Full PDB file with SEQRES, HELIX, SHEET, SSBOND, CRYST1, ORIGX, SCALE, CONECT and MASTER records, all heavy atoms in Angstrom:
SEQRES   1 A   39  TYR ILE SER THR GLU LEU ASP TYR SER GLU ALA ASP ALA          
SEQRES   2 A   39  LYS GLU TRP LEU SER THR VAL ARG PHE ALA THR LYS THR          
SEQRES   3 A   39  GLU GLY VAL ASN LEU LYS VAL ILE GLN SER CYS VAL ASP          
HELIX    1 AA1 ILE A    2  GLU A    5  1                                   4    
HELIX    2 AA2 GLU A   10  LEU A   17  1                                   8    
HELIX    3 AA3 LEU A   31  VAL A   38  1                                   8    
CRYST1    1.000    1.000    1.000  90.00  90.00  90.00 P 1           1          
ORIGX1      1.000000  0.000000  0.000000        0.00000                         
ORIGX2      0.000000  1.000000  0.000000        0.00000                         
ORIGX3      0.000000  0.000000  1.000000        0.00000                         
SCALE1      1.000000  0.000000  0.000000        0.00000                         
SCALE2      0.000000  1.000000  0.000000        0.00000                         
SCALE3      0.000000  0.000000  1.000000        0.00000                         
ATOM      1  N   TYR A   1      61.144  26.231 -57.149  1.00  0.00           N  
ATOM      2  CA  TYR A   1      60.113  25.809 -58.128  1.00  0.00           C  
ATOM      3  C   TYR A   1      59.869  26.949 -59.123  1.00  0.00           C  
ATOM      4  O   TYR A   1      59.827  26.689 -60.360  1.00  0.00           O  
ATOM      5  CB  TYR A   1      58.797  25.420 -57.407  1.00  0.00           C  
ATOM      6  CG  TYR A   1      57.696  25.160 -58.342  1.00  0.00           C  
ATOM      7  CD1 TYR A   1      57.642  23.995 -59.113  1.00  0.00           C  
ATOM      8  CD2 TYR A   1      56.650  26.107 -58.462  1.00  0.00           C  
ATOM      9  CE1 TYR A   1      56.580  23.755 -59.991  1.00  0.00           C  
ATOM     10  CE2 TYR A   1      55.579  25.879 -59.313  1.00  0.00           C  
ATOM     11  CZ  TYR A   1      55.581  24.681 -60.077  1.00  0.00           C  
ATOM     12  OH  TYR A   1      54.513  24.481 -60.952  1.00  0.00           O  
ATOM     13  N   ILE A   2      59.631  28.145 -58.643  1.00  0.00           N  
ATOM     14  CA  ILE A   2      59.306  29.274 -59.505  1.00  0.00           C  
ATOM     15  C   ILE A   2      60.451  29.601 -60.490  1.00  0.00           C  
ATOM     16  O   ILE A   2      60.239  29.873 -61.657  1.00  0.00           O  
ATOM     17  CB  ILE A   2      58.952  30.526 -58.679  1.00  0.00           C  
ATOM     18  CG1 ILE A   2      57.690  30.284 -57.871  1.00  0.00           C  
ATOM     19  CG2 ILE A   2      58.838  31.779 -59.563  1.00  0.00           C  
ATOM     20  CD1 ILE A   2      57.423  31.335 -56.755  1.00  0.00           C  
ATOM     21  N   SER A   3      61.697  29.523 -59.982  1.00  0.00           N  
ATOM     22  CA  SER A   3      62.858  29.927 -60.856  1.00  0.00           C  
ATOM     23  C   SER A   3      63.318  28.742 -61.747  1.00  0.00           C  
ATOM     24  O   SER A   3      64.151  29.037 -62.691  1.00  0.00           O  
ATOM     25  CB  SER A   3      63.962  30.395 -59.944  1.00  0.00           C  
ATOM     26  OG  SER A   3      64.400  29.369 -59.057  1.00  0.00           O  
ATOM     27  N   THR A   4      62.877  27.564 -61.530  1.00  0.00           N  
ATOM     28  CA  THR A   4      63.331  26.443 -62.390  1.00  0.00           C  
ATOM     29  C   THR A   4      62.217  25.927 -63.246  1.00  0.00           C  
ATOM     30  O   THR A   4      62.451  25.545 -64.411  1.00  0.00           O  
ATOM     31  CB  THR A   4      63.859  25.242 -61.550  1.00  0.00           C  
ATOM     32  OG1 THR A   4      62.852  24.825 -60.629  1.00  0.00           O  
ATOM     33  CG2 THR A   4      65.056  25.639 -60.816  1.00  0.00           C  
ATOM     34  N   GLU A   5      60.961  25.934 -62.786  1.00  0.00           N  
ATOM     35  CA  GLU A   5      59.838  25.437 -63.631  1.00  0.00           C  
ATOM     36  C   GLU A   5      59.015  26.495 -64.280  1.00  0.00           C  
ATOM     37  O   GLU A   5      58.301  26.160 -65.219  1.00  0.00           O  
ATOM     38  CB  GLU A   5      58.902  24.620 -62.633  1.00  0.00           C  
ATOM     39  CG  GLU A   5      59.564  23.447 -61.979  1.00  0.00           C  
ATOM     40  CD  GLU A   5      60.119  22.397 -62.958  1.00  0.00           C  
ATOM     41  OE1 GLU A   5      59.471  22.170 -64.061  1.00  0.00           O  
ATOM     42  OE2 GLU A   5      61.210  21.816 -62.699  1.00  0.00           O  
ATOM     43  N   LEU A   6      59.200  27.713 -63.883  1.00  0.00           N  
ATOM     44  CA  LEU A   6      58.380  28.853 -64.408  1.00  0.00           C  
ATOM     45  C   LEU A   6      59.372  29.877 -64.941  1.00  0.00           C  
ATOM     46  O   LEU A   6      60.594  29.752 -64.756  1.00  0.00           O  
ATOM     47  CB  LEU A   6      57.449  29.415 -63.379  1.00  0.00           C  
ATOM     48  CG  LEU A   6      56.483  28.376 -62.732  1.00  0.00           C  
ATOM     49  CD1 LEU A   6      55.708  29.069 -61.580  1.00  0.00           C  
ATOM     50  CD2 LEU A   6      55.468  27.884 -63.801  1.00  0.00           C  
ATOM     51  N   ASP A   7      58.828  30.922 -65.550  1.00  0.00           N  
ATOM     52  CA  ASP A   7      59.713  31.875 -66.315  1.00  0.00           C  
ATOM     53  C   ASP A   7      60.101  33.040 -65.472  1.00  0.00           C  
ATOM     54  O   ASP A   7      59.771  34.178 -65.801  1.00  0.00           O  
ATOM     55  CB  ASP A   7      58.914  32.297 -67.557  1.00  0.00           C  
ATOM     56  CG  ASP A   7      59.816  33.027 -68.599  1.00  0.00           C  
ATOM     57  OD1 ASP A   7      61.006  32.867 -68.497  1.00  0.00           O  
ATOM     58  OD2 ASP A   7      59.269  33.729 -69.433  1.00  0.00           O  
ATOM     59  N   TYR A   8      60.891  32.789 -64.335  1.00  0.00           N  
ATOM     60  CA  TYR A   8      61.265  33.865 -63.443  1.00  0.00           C  
ATOM     61  C   TYR A   8      62.665  33.620 -62.980  1.00  0.00           C  
ATOM     62  O   TYR A   8      63.107  32.438 -62.843  1.00  0.00           O  
ATOM     63  CB  TYR A   8      60.329  33.852 -62.240  1.00  0.00           C  
ATOM     64  CG  TYR A   8      58.929  34.123 -62.596  1.00  0.00           C  
ATOM     65  CD1 TYR A   8      58.110  32.995 -62.895  1.00  0.00           C  
ATOM     66  CD2 TYR A   8      58.326  35.330 -62.677  1.00  0.00           C  
ATOM     67  CE1 TYR A   8      56.833  33.146 -63.275  1.00  0.00           C  
ATOM     68  CE2 TYR A   8      57.024  35.528 -63.025  1.00  0.00           C  
ATOM     69  CZ  TYR A   8      56.230  34.422 -63.357  1.00  0.00           C  
ATOM     70  OH  TYR A   8      54.961  34.592 -63.748  1.00  0.00           O  
ATOM     71  N   SER A   9      63.427  34.669 -62.718  1.00  0.00           N  
ATOM     72  CA  SER A   9      64.749  34.497 -62.070  1.00  0.00           C  
ATOM     73  C   SER A   9      64.544  34.240 -60.577  1.00  0.00           C  
ATOM     74  O   SER A   9      63.567  34.561 -60.016  1.00  0.00           O  
ATOM     75  CB  SER A   9      65.574  35.744 -62.316  1.00  0.00           C  
ATOM     76  OG  SER A   9      65.063  36.831 -61.525  1.00  0.00           O  
ATOM     77  N   GLU A  10      65.630  33.701 -59.945  1.00  0.00           N  
ATOM     78  CA  GLU A  10      65.542  33.485 -58.547  1.00  0.00           C  
ATOM     79  C   GLU A  10      65.393  34.809 -57.756  1.00  0.00           C  
ATOM     80  O   GLU A  10      64.623  34.882 -56.822  1.00  0.00           O  
ATOM     81  CB  GLU A  10      66.825  32.739 -58.099  1.00  0.00           C  
ATOM     82  CG  GLU A  10      66.855  32.439 -56.600  1.00  0.00           C  
ATOM     83  CD  GLU A  10      68.111  31.637 -56.214  1.00  0.00           C  
ATOM     84  OE1 GLU A  10      68.654  30.845 -57.056  1.00  0.00           O  
ATOM     85  OE2 GLU A  10      68.544  31.790 -55.060  1.00  0.00           O  
ATOM     86  N   ALA A  11      66.066  35.844 -58.187  1.00  0.00           N  
ATOM     87  CA  ALA A  11      66.017  37.169 -57.542  1.00  0.00           C  
ATOM     88  C   ALA A  11      64.547  37.720 -57.615  1.00  0.00           C  
ATOM     89  O   ALA A  11      64.051  38.250 -56.631  1.00  0.00           O  
ATOM     90  CB  ALA A  11      66.979  38.127 -58.110  1.00  0.00           C  
ATOM     91  N   ASP A  12      63.946  37.588 -58.805  1.00  0.00           N  
ATOM     92  CA  ASP A  12      62.573  38.127 -58.961  1.00  0.00           C  
ATOM     93  C   ASP A  12      61.575  37.323 -58.172  1.00  0.00           C  
ATOM     94  O   ASP A  12      60.673  37.851 -57.597  1.00  0.00           O  
ATOM     95  CB  ASP A  12      62.195  38.054 -60.417  1.00  0.00           C  
ATOM     96  CG  ASP A  12      62.905  39.152 -61.212  1.00  0.00           C  
ATOM     97  OD1 ASP A  12      63.489  40.046 -60.626  1.00  0.00           O  
ATOM     98  OD2 ASP A  12      62.746  39.129 -62.427  1.00  0.00           O  
ATOM     99  N   ALA A  13      61.788  35.914 -58.082  1.00  0.00           N  
ATOM    100  CA  ALA A  13      60.923  35.128 -57.289  1.00  0.00           C  
ATOM    101  C   ALA A  13      60.990  35.504 -55.815  1.00  0.00           C  
ATOM    102  O   ALA A  13      59.945  35.662 -55.117  1.00  0.00           O  
ATOM    103  CB  ALA A  13      61.300  33.666 -57.427  1.00  0.00           C  
ATOM    104  N   LYS A  14      62.161  35.742 -55.337  1.00  0.00           N  
ATOM    105  CA  LYS A  14      62.317  36.169 -53.931  1.00  0.00           C  
ATOM    106  C   LYS A  14      61.665  37.577 -53.665  1.00  0.00           C  
ATOM    107  O   LYS A  14      61.054  37.775 -52.644  1.00  0.00           O  
ATOM    108  CB  LYS A  14      63.830  36.244 -53.541  1.00  0.00           C  
ATOM    109  CG  LYS A  14      64.481  34.922 -53.438  1.00  0.00           C  
ATOM    110  CD  LYS A  14      65.917  34.976 -53.058  1.00  0.00           C  
ATOM    111  CE  LYS A  14      66.551  33.646 -52.858  1.00  0.00           C  
ATOM    112  NZ  LYS A  14      68.035  33.763 -52.589  1.00  0.00           N  
ATOM    113  N   GLU A  15      61.852  38.495 -54.567  1.00  0.00           N  
ATOM    114  CA  GLU A  15      61.278  39.781 -54.400  1.00  0.00           C  
ATOM    115  C   GLU A  15      59.721  39.697 -54.462  1.00  0.00           C  
ATOM    116  O   GLU A  15      59.062  40.337 -53.639  1.00  0.00           O  
ATOM    117  CB  GLU A  15      61.754  40.754 -55.533  1.00  0.00           C  
ATOM    118  CG  GLU A  15      61.269  42.181 -55.355  1.00  0.00           C  
ATOM    119  CD  GLU A  15      61.718  43.093 -56.417  1.00  0.00           C  
ATOM    120  OE1 GLU A  15      62.639  42.750 -57.286  1.00  0.00           O  
ATOM    121  OE2 GLU A  15      61.190  44.202 -56.486  1.00  0.00           O  
ATOM    122  N   TRP A  16      59.208  38.891 -55.350  1.00  0.00           N  
ATOM    123  CA  TRP A  16      57.727  38.660 -55.424  1.00  0.00           C  
ATOM    124  C   TRP A  16      57.215  38.217 -54.104  1.00  0.00           C  
ATOM    125  O   TRP A  16      56.150  38.652 -53.657  1.00  0.00           O  
ATOM    126  CB  TRP A  16      57.385  37.767 -56.551  1.00  0.00           C  
ATOM    127  CG  TRP A  16      55.963  37.340 -56.530  1.00  0.00           C  
ATOM    128  CD1 TRP A  16      54.859  38.088 -56.841  1.00  0.00           C  
ATOM    129  CD2 TRP A  16      55.435  36.052 -56.177  1.00  0.00           C  
ATOM    130  NE1 TRP A  16      53.732  37.375 -56.680  1.00  0.00           N  
ATOM    131  CE2 TRP A  16      54.069  36.105 -56.307  1.00  0.00           C  
ATOM    132  CE3 TRP A  16      56.066  34.829 -55.832  1.00  0.00           C  
ATOM    133  CZ2 TRP A  16      53.174  35.028 -56.052  1.00  0.00           C  
ATOM    134  CZ3 TRP A  16      55.224  33.733 -55.557  1.00  0.00           C  
ATOM    135  CH2 TRP A  16      53.821  33.836 -55.635  1.00  0.00           C  
ATOM    136  N   LEU A  17      57.937  37.275 -53.492  1.00  0.00           N  
ATOM    137  CA  LEU A  17      57.431  36.626 -52.229  1.00  0.00           C  
ATOM    138  C   LEU A  17      57.234  37.734 -51.152  1.00  0.00           C  
ATOM    139  O   LEU A  17      56.334  37.585 -50.343  1.00  0.00           O  
ATOM    140  CB  LEU A  17      58.438  35.631 -51.704  1.00  0.00           C  
ATOM    141  CG  LEU A  17      58.431  34.303 -52.401  1.00  0.00           C  
ATOM    142  CD1 LEU A  17      59.577  33.429 -51.833  1.00  0.00           C  
ATOM    143  CD2 LEU A  17      57.108  33.542 -52.299  1.00  0.00           C  
ATOM    144  N   SER A  18      57.985  38.775 -51.186  1.00  0.00           N  
ATOM    145  CA  SER A  18      57.882  39.839 -50.234  1.00  0.00           C  
ATOM    146  C   SER A  18      56.641  40.730 -50.446  1.00  0.00           C  
ATOM    147  O   SER A  18      56.271  41.510 -49.580  1.00  0.00           O  
ATOM    148  CB  SER A  18      59.130  40.656 -50.176  1.00  0.00           C  
ATOM    149  OG  SER A  18      59.239  41.509 -51.367  1.00  0.00           O  
ATOM    150  N   THR A  19      55.999  40.564 -51.628  1.00  0.00           N  
ATOM    151  CA  THR A  19      54.926  41.464 -51.983  1.00  0.00           C  
ATOM    152  C   THR A  19      53.527  40.775 -51.949  1.00  0.00           C  
ATOM    153  O   THR A  19      52.535  41.509 -52.019  1.00  0.00           O  
ATOM    154  CB  THR A  19      55.084  41.996 -53.456  1.00  0.00           C  
ATOM    155  OG1 THR A  19      54.891  40.944 -54.400  1.00  0.00           O  
ATOM    156  CG2 THR A  19      56.505  42.635 -53.613  1.00  0.00           C  
ATOM    157  N   VAL A  20      53.539  39.433 -51.820  1.00  0.00           N  
ATOM    158  CA  VAL A  20      52.277  38.727 -52.039  1.00  0.00           C  
ATOM    159  C   VAL A  20      51.762  38.148 -50.661  1.00  0.00           C  
ATOM    160  O   VAL A  20      52.579  37.693 -49.878  1.00  0.00           O  
ATOM    161  CB  VAL A  20      52.392  37.615 -53.062  1.00  0.00           C  
ATOM    162  CG1 VAL A  20      53.325  36.515 -52.600  1.00  0.00           C  
ATOM    163  CG2 VAL A  20      51.016  37.050 -53.410  1.00  0.00           C  
ATOM    164  N   ARG A  21      50.422  38.139 -50.499  1.00  0.00           N  
ATOM    165  CA  ARG A  21      49.829  37.470 -49.336  1.00  0.00           C  
ATOM    166  C   ARG A  21      48.654  36.663 -49.788  1.00  0.00           C  
ATOM    167  O   ARG A  21      47.680  37.203 -50.338  1.00  0.00           O  
ATOM    168  CB  ARG A  21      49.368  38.491 -48.272  1.00  0.00           C  
ATOM    169  CG  ARG A  21      48.889  37.858 -46.988  1.00  0.00           C  
ATOM    170  CD  ARG A  21      48.560  38.869 -45.947  1.00  0.00           C  
ATOM    171  NE  ARG A  21      47.266  39.534 -46.209  1.00  0.00           N  
ATOM    172  CZ  ARG A  21      47.103  40.711 -46.695  1.00  0.00           C  
ATOM    173  NH1 ARG A  21      48.143  41.491 -46.986  1.00  0.00           N  
ATOM    174  NH2 ARG A  21      45.888  41.211 -46.846  1.00  0.00           N  
ATOM    175  N   PHE A  22      48.738  35.346 -49.686  1.00  0.00           N  
ATOM    176  CA  PHE A  22      47.645  34.437 -50.020  1.00  0.00           C  
ATOM    177  C   PHE A  22      46.659  34.423 -48.897  1.00  0.00           C  
ATOM    178  O   PHE A  22      46.907  34.675 -47.740  1.00  0.00           O  
ATOM    179  CB  PHE A  22      48.178  33.049 -50.333  1.00  0.00           C  
ATOM    180  CG  PHE A  22      48.934  32.956 -51.638  1.00  0.00           C  
ATOM    181  CD1 PHE A  22      50.253  33.270 -51.726  1.00  0.00           C  
ATOM    182  CD2 PHE A  22      48.234  32.542 -52.809  1.00  0.00           C  
ATOM    183  CE1 PHE A  22      50.923  33.185 -52.931  1.00  0.00           C  
ATOM    184  CE2 PHE A  22      48.946  32.477 -54.016  1.00  0.00           C  
ATOM    185  CZ  PHE A  22      50.279  32.805 -54.132  1.00  0.00           C  
ATOM    186  N   ALA A  23      45.408  34.014 -49.214  1.00  0.00           N  
ATOM    187  CA  ALA A  23      44.382  33.878 -48.238  1.00  0.00           C  
ATOM    188  C   ALA A  23      44.690  32.719 -47.343  1.00  0.00           C  
ATOM    189  O   ALA A  23      45.141  31.661 -47.835  1.00  0.00           O  
ATOM    190  CB  ALA A  23      43.041  33.678 -48.931  1.00  0.00           C  
ATOM    191  N   THR A  24      44.534  32.793 -46.003  1.00  0.00           N  
ATOM    192  CA  THR A  24      44.722  31.695 -45.167  1.00  0.00           C  
ATOM    193  C   THR A  24      43.548  30.828 -45.152  1.00  0.00           C  
ATOM    194  O   THR A  24      43.678  29.597 -44.804  1.00  0.00           O  
ATOM    195  CB  THR A  24      45.011  32.225 -43.712  1.00  0.00           C  
ATOM    196  OG1 THR A  24      43.957  33.092 -43.283  1.00  0.00           O  
ATOM    197  CG2 THR A  24      46.317  32.937 -43.623  1.00  0.00           C  
ATOM    198  N   LYS A  25      42.389  31.338 -45.572  1.00  0.00           N  
ATOM    199  CA  LYS A  25      41.164  30.524 -45.692  1.00  0.00           C  
ATOM    200  C   LYS A  25      40.579  30.826 -47.033  1.00  0.00           C  
ATOM    201  O   LYS A  25      40.102  31.916 -47.282  1.00  0.00           O  
ATOM    202  CB  LYS A  25      40.129  30.832 -44.587  1.00  0.00           C  
ATOM    203  CG  LYS A  25      38.815  30.041 -44.707  1.00  0.00           C  
ATOM    204  CD  LYS A  25      37.925  30.434 -43.537  1.00  0.00           C  
ATOM    205  CE  LYS A  25      36.490  29.822 -43.736  1.00  0.00           C  
ATOM    206  NZ  LYS A  25      36.473  28.335 -43.916  1.00  0.00           N  
ATOM    207  N   THR A  26      40.667  29.905 -47.964  1.00  0.00           N  
ATOM    208  CA  THR A  26      40.274  30.163 -49.359  1.00  0.00           C  
ATOM    209  C   THR A  26      38.781  30.092 -49.574  1.00  0.00           C  
ATOM    210  O   THR A  26      38.221  30.817 -50.487  1.00  0.00           O  
ATOM    211  CB  THR A  26      40.934  29.155 -50.282  1.00  0.00           C  
ATOM    212  OG1 THR A  26      40.721  27.830 -49.858  1.00  0.00           O  
ATOM    213  CG2 THR A  26      42.405  29.450 -50.402  1.00  0.00           C  
ATOM    214  N   GLU A  27      38.039  29.348 -48.769  1.00  0.00           N  
ATOM    215  CA  GLU A  27      36.583  29.268 -48.936  1.00  0.00           C  
ATOM    216  C   GLU A  27      35.947  30.626 -48.578  1.00  0.00           C  
ATOM    217  O   GLU A  27      36.272  31.200 -47.522  1.00  0.00           O  
ATOM    218  CB  GLU A  27      36.009  28.181 -48.069  1.00  0.00           C  
ATOM    219  CG  GLU A  27      34.431  28.119 -48.171  1.00  0.00           C  
ATOM    220  CD  GLU A  27      33.810  27.117 -47.233  1.00  0.00           C  
ATOM    221  OE1 GLU A  27      34.540  26.249 -46.680  1.00  0.00           O  
ATOM    222  OE2 GLU A  27      32.600  27.303 -46.950  1.00  0.00           O  
ATOM    223  N   GLY A  28      35.052  31.148 -49.431  1.00  0.00           N  
ATOM    224  CA  GLY A  28      34.360  32.338 -49.187  1.00  0.00           C  
ATOM    225  C   GLY A  28      34.902  33.615 -49.817  1.00  0.00           C  
ATOM    226  O   GLY A  28      36.036  33.640 -50.226  1.00  0.00           O  
ATOM    227  N   VAL A  29      34.041  34.575 -49.926  1.00  0.00           N  
ATOM    228  CA  VAL A  29      34.405  35.898 -50.596  1.00  0.00           C  
ATOM    229  C   VAL A  29      33.917  37.029 -49.773  1.00  0.00           C  
ATOM    230  O   VAL A  29      32.731  36.984 -49.277  1.00  0.00           O  
ATOM    231  CB  VAL A  29      33.814  35.887 -51.997  1.00  0.00           C  
ATOM    232  CG1 VAL A  29      34.226  37.116 -52.730  1.00  0.00           C  
ATOM    233  CG2 VAL A  29      34.207  34.651 -52.792  1.00  0.00           C  
ATOM    234  N   ASN A  30      34.643  38.042 -49.660  1.00  0.00           N  
ATOM    235  CA  ASN A  30      34.173  39.284 -48.945  1.00  0.00           C  
ATOM    236  C   ASN A  30      33.321  40.044 -49.927  1.00  0.00           C  
ATOM    237  O   ASN A  30      33.826  40.559 -50.952  1.00  0.00           O  
ATOM    238  CB  ASN A  30      35.415  40.100 -48.536  1.00  0.00           C  
ATOM    239  CG  ASN A  30      35.023  41.295 -47.664  1.00  0.00           C  
ATOM    240  OD1 ASN A  30      33.864  41.788 -47.779  1.00  0.00           O  
ATOM    241  ND2 ASN A  30      35.940  41.838 -46.959  1.00  0.00           N  
ATOM    242  N   LEU A  31      32.029  40.162 -49.658  1.00  0.00           N  
ATOM    243  CA  LEU A  31      31.102  40.843 -50.510  1.00  0.00           C  
ATOM    244  C   LEU A  31      31.516  42.280 -50.757  1.00  0.00           C  
ATOM    245  O   LEU A  31      31.335  42.802 -51.852  1.00  0.00           O  
ATOM    246  CB  LEU A  31      29.703  40.779 -49.897  1.00  0.00           C  
ATOM    247  CG  LEU A  31      28.607  41.525 -50.692  1.00  0.00           C  
ATOM    248  CD1 LEU A  31      28.436  40.946 -52.102  1.00  0.00           C  
ATOM    249  CD2 LEU A  31      27.257  41.518 -49.914  1.00  0.00           C  
ATOM    250  N   LYS A  32      32.101  42.901 -49.725  1.00  0.00           N  
ATOM    251  CA  LYS A  32      32.565  44.321 -49.893  1.00  0.00           C  
ATOM    252  C   LYS A  32      33.619  44.443 -51.022  1.00  0.00           C  
ATOM    253  O   LYS A  32      33.639  45.471 -51.703  1.00  0.00           O  
ATOM    254  CB  LYS A  32      33.084  44.823 -48.567  1.00  0.00           C  
ATOM    255  CG  LYS A  32      32.013  45.020 -47.493  1.00  0.00           C  
ATOM    256  CD  LYS A  32      32.627  45.516 -46.221  1.00  0.00           C  
ATOM    257  CE  LYS A  32      31.601  45.641 -45.076  1.00  0.00           C  
ATOM    258  NZ  LYS A  32      32.201  46.086 -43.780  1.00  0.00           N  
ATOM    259  N   VAL A  33      34.451  43.445 -51.178  1.00  0.00           N  
ATOM    260  CA  VAL A  33      35.447  43.493 -52.224  1.00  0.00           C  
ATOM    261  C   VAL A  33      34.780  43.426 -53.584  1.00  0.00           C  
ATOM    262  O   VAL A  33      35.144  44.183 -54.522  1.00  0.00           O  
ATOM    263  CB  VAL A  33      36.461  42.321 -52.053  1.00  0.00           C  
ATOM    264  CG1 VAL A  33      37.366  42.245 -53.310  1.00  0.00           C  
ATOM    265  CG2 VAL A  33      37.244  42.454 -50.819  1.00  0.00           C  
ATOM    266  N   ILE A  34      33.780  42.586 -53.762  1.00  0.00           N  
ATOM    267  CA  ILE A  34      33.064  42.448 -55.044  1.00  0.00           C  
ATOM    268  C   ILE A  34      32.264  43.720 -55.307  1.00  0.00           C  
ATOM    269  O   ILE A  34      32.234  44.224 -56.422  1.00  0.00           O  
ATOM    270  CB  ILE A  34      32.134  41.197 -54.972  1.00  0.00           C  
ATOM    271  CG1 ILE A  34      32.943  39.993 -54.647  1.00  0.00           C  
ATOM    272  CG2 ILE A  34      31.451  41.012 -56.345  1.00  0.00           C  
ATOM    273  CD1 ILE A  34      34.092  39.686 -55.549  1.00  0.00           C  
ATOM    274  N   GLN A  35      31.650  44.243 -54.260  1.00  0.00           N  
ATOM    275  CA  GLN A  35      30.875  45.478 -54.470  1.00  0.00           C  
ATOM    276  C   GLN A  35      31.791  46.673 -54.903  1.00  0.00           C  
ATOM    277  O   GLN A  35      31.451  47.396 -55.777  1.00  0.00           O  
ATOM    278  CB  GLN A  35      30.175  45.899 -53.139  1.00  0.00           C  
ATOM    279  CG  GLN A  35      29.317  47.188 -53.223  1.00  0.00           C  
ATOM    280  CD  GLN A  35      28.140  46.985 -54.141  1.00  0.00           C  
ATOM    281  OE1 GLN A  35      27.231  46.191 -53.876  1.00  0.00           O  
ATOM    282  NE2 GLN A  35      28.126  47.748 -55.255  1.00  0.00           N  
ATOM    283  N   SER A  36      32.922  46.731 -54.250  1.00  0.00           N  
ATOM    284  CA  SER A  36      33.872  47.799 -54.606  1.00  0.00           C  
ATOM    285  C   SER A  36      34.339  47.612 -56.074  1.00  0.00           C  
ATOM    286  O   SER A  36      34.502  48.626 -56.789  1.00  0.00           O  
ATOM    287  CB  SER A  36      35.077  47.770 -53.678  1.00  0.00           C  
ATOM    288  OG  SER A  36      36.128  48.641 -54.119  1.00  0.00           O  
ATOM    289  N   CYS A  37      34.606  46.390 -56.442  1.00  0.00           N  
ATOM    290  CA  CYS A  37      35.069  46.125 -57.831  1.00  0.00           C  
ATOM    291  C   CYS A  37      34.005  46.531 -58.817  1.00  0.00           C  
ATOM    292  O   CYS A  37      34.269  47.126 -59.816  1.00  0.00           O  
ATOM    293  CB  CYS A  37      35.420  44.628 -57.997  1.00  0.00           C  
ATOM    294  SG  CYS A  37      36.126  44.174 -59.600  1.00  0.00           S  
ATOM    295  N   VAL A  38      32.749  46.172 -58.526  1.00  0.00           N  
ATOM    296  CA  VAL A  38      31.605  46.530 -59.371  1.00  0.00           C  
ATOM    297  C   VAL A  38      31.505  48.019 -59.511  1.00  0.00           C  
ATOM    298  O   VAL A  38      31.294  48.557 -60.607  1.00  0.00           O  
ATOM    299  CB  VAL A  38      30.305  45.911 -58.866  1.00  0.00           C  
ATOM    300  CG1 VAL A  38      29.090  46.552 -59.617  1.00  0.00           C  
ATOM    301  CG2 VAL A  38      30.314  44.367 -59.152  1.00  0.00           C  
ATOM    302  N   ASP A  39      31.603  48.721 -58.416  1.00  0.00           N  
ATOM    303  CA  ASP A  39      31.444  50.193 -58.380  1.00  0.00           C  
ATOM    304  C   ASP A  39      32.523  50.830 -59.252  1.00  0.00           C  
ATOM    305  O   ASP A  39      32.236  51.739 -60.073  1.00  0.00           O  
ATOM    306  CB  ASP A  39      31.588  50.738 -56.988  1.00  0.00           C  
ATOM    307  CG  ASP A  39      30.441  50.365 -56.027  1.00  0.00           C  
ATOM    308  OD1 ASP A  39      29.430  49.947 -56.615  1.00  0.00           O  
ATOM    309  OD2 ASP A  39      30.535  50.505 -54.856  1.00  0.00           O  
TER     310      ASP A  39                                                      
MASTER        0    0    0    3    0    0    0    6  309    1    0    3          
END                                                                             
């Protein structure tokens, strides 16, 4: 999908997959992350 519908090569799409981790539970936010960002 990434290499045919979006602007990426197949090799780059595969490399990106090794670097990214999506949230397993999307609901909610860690307040410490927001506090760190604000700081």
